[in-house]
Amino acid sequence: CKVQPEDVLAYALAHPQSSTNMISENRGLSKSRVWTILNQSGAHPPIDTCAGVAAKRC
């Protein structure tokens, strides 16, 4: 079953604190594919660094 871009966007909107890495693991896609989908949609995902996640989790 292929993951649709709409699924990635819906997940990102429902979980705005999620990094591209977290979304890719949850949706079963590469980080670059997740980033591309979000970037093309104008969602501009957080960067996978400590700045994109709670610092205590890094």
N, C-alpha and C. Protein backbone atom coordinates (compact mmCIF):
# COMPACT_ATOMS: atom_id res chain seq x y z
N CYS A 1 0.85 -1.18 0.00
CA CYS A 1 0.00 0.00 0.00
C CYS A 1 0.90 1.24 0.00
N LYS A 2 0.77 2.05 -1.02
CA LYS A 2 1.62 3.23 -1.17
C LYS A 2 1.12 4.39 -0.30
N VAL A 3 2.05 5.03 0.37
CA VAL A 3 1.72 6.18 1.20
C VAL A 3 1.51 7.38 0.29
N GLN A 4 0.39 8.05 0.46
CA GLN A 4 0.06 9.22 -0.35
C GLN A 4 0.58 10.50 0.32
N PRO A 5 0.93 11.50 -0.49
CA PRO A 5 1.37 12.77 0.09
C PRO A 5 0.37 13.35 1.09
N GLU A 6 -0.92 13.14 0.82
CA GLU A 6 -1.95 13.65 1.73
C GLU A 6 -1.83 13.02 3.11
N ASP A 7 -1.41 11.74 3.15
CA ASP A 7 -1.23 11.06 4.44
C ASP A 7 -0.10 11.70 5.24
N VAL A 8 0.98 12.05 4.53
CA VAL A 8 2.13 12.69 5.18
C VAL A 8 1.72 14.07 5.71
N LEU A 9 0.99 14.83 4.89
CA LEU A 9 0.54 16.15 5.32
C LEU A 9 -0.41 16.06 6.51
N ALA A 10 -1.33 15.11 6.46
CA ALA A 10 -2.28 14.95 7.57
C ALA A 10 -1.54 14.62 8.86
N TYR A 11 -0.55 13.73 8.77
CA TYR A 11 0.21 13.37 9.96
C TYR A 11 0.99 14.58 10.49
N ALA A 12 1.62 15.31 9.58
CA ALA A 12 2.41 16.48 9.99
C ALA A 12 1.53 17.54 10.65
N LEU A 13 0.33 17.74 10.13
CA LEU A 13 -0.58 18.72 10.71
C LEU A 13 -1.11 18.26 12.07
N ALA A 14 -1.34 16.96 12.20
CA ALA A 14 -1.84 16.42 13.46
C ALA A 14 -0.75 16.36 14.53
N HIS A 15 0.51 16.30 14.08
CA HIS A 15 1.66 16.21 15.00
C HIS A 15 2.70 17.26 14.61
N PRO A 16 2.40 18.54 14.82
CA PRO A 16 3.29 19.62 14.36
C PRO A 16 4.67 19.61 14.99
N GLN A 17 4.83 18.93 16.12
CA GLN A 17 6.14 18.87 16.77
C GLN A 17 7.04 17.82 16.13
N SER A 18 6.51 17.02 15.22
CA SER A 18 7.27 15.92 14.62
C SER A 18 8.34 16.42 13.66
N SER A 19 9.49 15.78 13.71
CA SER A 19 10.56 16.07 12.76
C SER A 19 10.34 15.23 11.51
N THR A 20 11.08 15.53 10.45
CA THR A 20 10.98 14.72 9.24
C THR A 20 11.37 13.28 9.54
N ASN A 21 12.32 13.09 10.45
CA ASN A 21 12.74 11.73 10.82
C ASN A 21 11.59 10.98 11.49
N MET A 22 10.91 11.62 12.41
CA MET A 22 9.79 10.98 13.10
C MET A 22 8.67 10.64 12.13
N ILE A 23 8.38 11.55 11.21
CA ILE A 23 7.33 11.31 10.22
C ILE A 23 7.73 10.17 9.29
N SER A 24 8.99 10.16 8.87
CA SER A 24 9.44 9.11 7.94
C SER A 24 9.33 7.73 8.59
N GLU A 25 9.69 7.64 9.87
CA GLU A 25 9.59 6.36 10.58
C GLU A 25 8.13 5.94 10.72
N ASN A 26 7.26 6.89 11.01
CA ASN A 26 5.84 6.57 11.21
C ASN A 26 5.14 6.20 9.91
N ARG A 27 5.50 6.87 8.82
CA ARG A 27 4.82 6.66 7.54
C ARG A 27 5.54 5.65 6.65
N GLY A 28 6.76 5.26 7.03
CA GLY A 28 7.49 4.28 6.23
C GLY A 28 8.08 4.84 4.95
N LEU A 29 8.47 6.10 4.99
CA LEU A 29 9.10 6.77 3.84
C LEU A 29 10.48 7.26 4.23
N SER A 30 11.28 7.59 3.22
CA SER A 30 12.59 8.17 3.51
C SER A 30 12.41 9.60 4.02
N LYS A 31 13.40 10.07 4.77
CA LYS A 31 13.35 11.45 5.27
C LYS A 31 13.31 12.44 4.11
N SER A 32 14.07 12.15 3.05
CA SER A 32 14.10 13.08 1.92
C SER A 32 12.74 13.16 1.23
N ARG A 33 12.03 12.03 1.14
CA ARG A 33 10.70 12.03 0.52
C ARG A 33 9.72 12.82 1.38
N VAL A 34 9.78 12.62 2.69
CA VAL A 34 8.91 13.37 3.60
C VAL A 34 9.20 14.86 3.48
N TRP A 35 10.48 15.23 3.48
CA TRP A 35 10.85 16.65 3.38
C TRP A 35 10.33 17.24 2.08
N THR A 36 10.50 16.49 0.98
CA THR A 36 10.04 16.97 -0.33
C THR A 36 8.53 17.20 -0.33
N ILE A 37 7.78 16.25 0.19
CA ILE A 37 6.31 16.39 0.24
C ILE A 37 5.92 17.62 1.04
N LEU A 38 6.51 17.78 2.22
CA LEU A 38 6.17 18.91 3.08
C LEU A 38 6.63 20.23 2.48
N ASN A 39 7.81 20.24 1.89
CA ASN A 39 8.33 21.46 1.29
C ASN A 39 7.48 21.89 0.10
N GLN A 40 7.10 20.94 -0.76
CA GLN A 40 6.29 21.26 -1.93
C GLN A 40 4.90 21.76 -1.53
N SER A 41 4.43 21.32 -0.39
CA SER A 41 3.10 21.74 0.08
C SER A 41 3.16 23.09 0.80
N GLY A 42 4.38 23.56 1.07
CA GLY A 42 4.53 24.81 1.80
C GLY A 42 4.52 24.63 3.31
N ALA A 43 4.57 23.37 3.76
CA ALA A 43 4.51 23.09 5.20
C ALA A 43 5.84 23.35 5.90
N HIS A 44 6.94 23.39 5.15
CA HIS A 44 8.27 23.67 5.70
C HIS A 44 8.54 22.92 7.00
N PRO A 45 8.95 21.65 6.88
CA PRO A 45 9.17 20.82 8.07
C PRO A 45 10.32 21.33 8.94
N PRO A 46 10.28 21.01 10.23
CA PRO A 46 11.40 21.37 11.09
C PRO A 46 12.65 20.60 10.69
N ILE A 47 13.80 21.20 10.91
CA ILE A 47 15.06 20.54 10.60
C ILE A 47 15.37 19.51 11.68
N ASP A 48 15.90 18.35 11.26
CA ASP A 48 16.21 17.28 12.22
C ASP A 48 17.46 17.60 13.03
N THR A 49 17.32 18.52 13.95
CA THR A 49 18.40 18.87 14.88
C THR A 49 17.75 19.05 16.24
N CYS A 50 18.55 19.36 17.22
CA CYS A 50 18.00 19.61 18.55
C CYS A 50 17.04 20.80 18.53
N ALA A 51 17.20 21.70 17.58
CA ALA A 51 16.30 22.84 17.49
C ALA A 51 14.91 22.41 17.04
N GLY A 52 14.83 21.28 16.31
CA GLY A 52 13.55 20.81 15.80
C GLY A 52 12.81 19.91 16.77
N VAL A 53 13.47 19.50 17.82
CA VAL A 53 12.87 18.60 18.80
C VAL A 53 13.14 19.18 20.18
N ALA A 54 12.41 18.76 21.17
CA ALA A 54 12.68 19.22 22.53
C ALA A 54 14.13 18.90 22.89
N ALA A 55 14.86 19.88 23.36
CA ALA A 55 16.30 19.72 23.62
C ALA A 55 16.59 18.55 24.56
N LYS A 56 15.71 18.29 25.50
CA LYS A 56 15.96 17.19 26.43
C LYS A 56 15.91 15.82 25.76
N ARG A 57 15.35 15.74 24.55
CA ARG A 57 15.27 14.48 23.83
C ARG A 57 16.48 14.24 22.94
N CYS A 58 17.35 15.22 22.81
CA CYS A 58 18.52 15.09 21.93
C CYS A 58 19.69 14.46 22.66
